[in-house]
Protein backbone atom coordinates (compact mmCIF):
# COMPACT_ATOMS: atom_id res chain seq x y z
CA MET A 1 0.00 0.00 0.00
CA VAL A 2 1.15 3.53 -0.82
CA TYR A 3 0.02 6.26 1.54
CA VAL A 4 -0.29 9.85 0.28
CA PHE A 5 -0.67 12.25 3.18
CA LEU A 6 -2.92 15.29 2.83
CA ALA A 7 -2.80 18.12 5.38
CA GLU A 8 -4.66 21.43 5.35
CA GLY A 9 -2.98 23.65 2.77
CA PHE A 10 -1.50 20.88 0.60
CA GLU A 11 -0.74 21.47 -3.09
CA GLU A 12 -3.46 19.50 -4.83
CA ILE A 13 -1.61 18.79 -8.08
CA GLU A 14 1.42 17.46 -6.20
CA ALA A 15 -0.83 15.14 -4.18
CA LEU A 16 -3.40 13.97 -6.69
CA THR A 17 -1.14 13.50 -9.71
CA PRO A 18 0.82 10.71 -7.97
CA VAL A 19 -2.46 9.17 -6.79
CA ASP A 20 -3.81 9.17 -10.35
CA ILE A 21 -0.60 7.94 -12.05
CA LEU A 22 0.00 5.19 -9.48
CA ARG A 23 -3.59 3.96 -9.68
CA ARG A 24 -3.33 3.86 -13.48
CA GLY A 25 -0.28 1.65 -12.92
CA LYS A 26 -2.34 -0.67 -10.69
CA VAL A 27 -0.68 0.39 -7.43
CA ASP A 28 -2.79 0.30 -4.27
CA VAL A 29 -2.92 3.88 -3.01
CA LYS A 30 -4.73 5.44 -0.09
CA THR A 31 -4.96 9.13 0.63
CA VAL A 32 -4.59 9.87 4.33
CA GLY A 33 -6.22 12.95 5.79
CA VAL A 34 -4.25 14.64 8.53
CA GLY A 35 -6.74 16.21 10.91
CA GLY A 36 -9.88 14.76 9.35
CA LYS A 37 -11.44 13.13 6.33
CA THR A 38 -12.02 16.28 4.28
CA ILE A 39 -8.85 18.29 3.75
CA VAL A 40 -8.78 21.69 2.05
CA SER A 41 -5.91 22.35 -0.35
CA SER A 42 -3.80 25.49 -0.56
CA HIS A 43 -6.15 26.73 -3.31
CA GLY A 44 -9.35 26.10 -1.38
CA ILE A 45 -10.28 22.77 -2.97
CA PRO A 46 -11.77 20.27 -0.50
CA VAL A 47 -10.59 16.69 -1.02
CA ILE A 48 -12.07 13.69 0.77
CA ALA A 49 -9.33 11.34 1.93
CA ASP A 50 -9.71 7.58 1.85
CA ILE A 51 -8.80 7.33 5.54
CA THR A 52 -7.71 9.65 8.32
CA ALA A 53 -4.29 9.62 9.96
CA ASP A 54 -6.01 8.33 13.11
CA GLU A 55 -7.25 5.30 11.12
CA LEU A 56 -3.76 4.43 9.87
CA SER A 57 -2.71 1.83 12.40
CA GLU A 58 -0.64 -0.75 10.52
CA LEU A 59 2.44 0.40 8.64
CA ASP A 60 3.76 -3.09 7.87
CA THR A 61 1.85 -3.03 4.55
CA ALA A 62 3.36 0.33 3.54
CA GLU A 63 5.34 0.09 0.30
CA ALA A 64 5.77 3.85 0.19
CA VAL A 65 4.76 7.19 1.64
CA ILE A 66 4.34 10.34 -0.40
CA LEU A 67 4.42 13.86 0.97
CA PRO A 68 3.01 16.64 -1.24
CA GLY A 69 4.19 20.19 -0.70
CA GLY A 70 2.24 23.38 -0.44
CA MET A 71 1.95 25.85 2.36
CA PRO A 72 0.93 25.54 5.05
CA GLY A 73 0.42 21.87 4.09
CA THR A 74 4.09 20.96 4.53
CA LEU A 75 4.20 22.54 7.98
CA ASN A 76 1.02 20.70 8.96
CA LEU A 77 2.44 17.38 7.75
CA GLU A 78 5.59 17.90 9.77
CA LYS A 79 3.61 18.59 12.95
CA ASN A 80 1.75 15.28 12.69
CA GLU A 81 3.14 12.30 14.61
CA THR A 82 1.54 9.71 12.29
CA VAL A 83 3.21 11.29 9.25
CA ILE A 84 6.60 11.42 10.95
CA ASN A 85 6.28 7.83 12.18
CA ALA A 86 5.32 6.64 8.68
CA VAL A 87 8.33 8.38 7.12
CA LYS A 88 10.68 6.97 9.77
CA TYR A 89 9.20 3.50 9.31
CA CYS A 90 9.71 3.56 5.55
CA TYR A 91 13.24 4.87 5.95
CA GLU A 92 14.16 2.19 8.49
CA LYS A 93 12.57 -0.58 6.38
CA ASN A 94 14.10 0.68 3.10
CA ARG A 95 10.69 1.45 1.62
CA LEU A 96 10.06 4.21 -0.90
CA ILE A 97 9.67 7.82 0.27
CA GLY A 98 8.52 10.54 -2.10
CA ALA A 99 8.45 14.24 -1.29
CA ILE A 100 7.84 17.20 -3.59
CA CYS A 101 8.13 20.99 -3.43
CA ALA A 102 8.55 22.10 0.20
CA ALA A 103 7.97 18.60 1.62
CA PRO A 104 11.59 17.39 1.17
CA SER A 105 12.36 19.81 4.02
CA ILE A 106 10.62 17.33 6.33
CA LEU A 107 13.09 14.65 5.28
CA GLY A 108 15.95 17.06 5.85
CA HIS A 109 14.73 17.94 9.33
CA LEU A 110 14.50 14.24 10.15
CA GLY A 111 18.14 13.79 9.12
CA ILE A 112 17.45 11.13 6.50
CA LEU A 113 18.93 12.96 3.51
CA GLY A 114 22.55 12.76 4.67
CA GLY A 115 24.74 12.31 1.58
CA LYS A 116 21.73 11.62 -0.67
CA ARG A 117 20.93 13.51 -3.87
CA ALA A 118 17.81 15.59 -3.32
CA THR A 119 15.97 18.61 -4.63
CA ALA A 120 13.17 20.88 -3.44
CA PHE A 121 11.33 24.07 -4.31
CA PRO A 122 13.78 26.98 -4.64
CA GLY A 123 14.37 28.53 -1.23
CA PHE A 124 14.18 25.23 0.67
CA GLU A 125 17.75 24.12 -0.14
CA LYS A 126 19.08 24.81 3.36
CA ALA A 127 16.31 22.71 4.93
CA LEU A 128 17.64 19.61 3.12
CA GLU A 129 20.16 19.11 5.89
CA GLY A 130 23.10 16.96 4.82
CA ALA A 131 21.77 16.36 1.31
CA ASP A 132 23.74 16.56 -1.91
CA PHE A 133 21.43 19.26 -3.27
CA ARG A 134 20.64 19.10 -6.98
CA ASN A 135 18.89 21.59 -9.23
CA ASP A 136 17.18 18.67 -10.98
CA PHE A 137 13.41 18.70 -11.40
CA VAL A 138 13.25 15.17 -9.97
CA SER A 139 16.03 13.58 -7.94
CA HIS A 140 16.17 9.86 -7.16
CA ASP A 141 18.67 8.39 -4.73
CA GLY A 142 18.04 4.89 -3.44
CA MET A 143 14.57 4.76 -1.96
CA ILE A 144 14.10 8.53 -1.77
CA ILE A 145 12.58 10.53 -4.62
CA THR A 146 12.29 14.30 -4.33
CA ALA A 147 10.97 16.87 -6.79
CA ARG A 148 10.93 20.64 -7.15
CA GLY A 149 7.27 21.50 -7.50
CA MET A 150 3.86 21.29 -9.08
CA GLY A 151 5.13 21.65 -12.66
CA VAL A 152 6.99 18.34 -12.47
CA SER A 153 4.26 16.36 -10.70
CA VAL A 154 3.80 13.96 -13.63
CA ASP A 155 7.56 13.30 -13.84
CA PHE A 156 7.65 12.76 -10.06
CA ALA A 157 4.71 10.36 -10.21
CA LEU A 158 6.18 8.40 -13.13
CA GLU A 159 9.46 8.00 -11.25
CA LEU A 160 7.56 6.69 -8.23
CA LEU A 161 5.66 4.27 -10.48
CA SER A 162 8.88 3.10 -12.13
CA VAL A 163 10.29 2.11 -8.74
CA LEU A 164 7.09 0.46 -7.56
CA LYS A 165 6.02 -1.36 -10.74
CA GLY A 166 8.94 -1.18 -13.13
CA GLU A 167 10.01 0.97 -16.02
CA GLU A 168 7.76 -0.80 -18.52
CA THR A 169 4.63 -0.02 -16.49
CA ALA A 170 5.74 3.59 -16.07
CA ASP A 171 6.36 3.90 -19.83
CA ASN A 172 2.94 2.39 -20.59
CA VAL A 173 1.21 4.88 -18.31
CA LYS A 174 3.31 7.73 -19.69
CA ASN A 175 2.26 6.82 -23.23
CA SER A 176 -1.39 6.33 -22.27
CA ILE A 177 -1.61 9.87 -20.87
CA GLN A 178 0.18 11.36 -23.90
CA CYS A 179 3.06 12.67 -21.81
CA LYS A 180 5.89 14.05 -23.94
CA ALA A 181 8.52 14.15 -21.18
């Protein structure tokens, strides 16, 4: 199971594009509402999560966690114990972690980017503590995938799918959505 965390003020494209792309690739994905079932995005769009953070009890089925950016969504994710525990769990178990825009700062603050290639939205470079910062749109190092922002959400999602289901599946989805990247 892949868990995509949604907190008040999240960037909807960064959250829902991975959900859509991964589901097209036949990956089991659940959106997880932090603070409730209906979460309002940074642009005022209410999204109904599949489950709430309080309902997420078993992490042993977690293949990956994904953290969308947005403000104050990133700050709200970082304040939530369930989110932090899920990220730590995936890191310790060598499971996939994806973070985009401002959200890679959470990984930096947790100290899990040490020596790893990573990127983030411009201005968040210093928050990627210990990372080998890259100006790439999407950066992939081991089981951590980071991306710069909303404009590369499809690329980010396809990279996640490639790790989870293989390059052939990612290419098939990419072609089916008429992506030119």
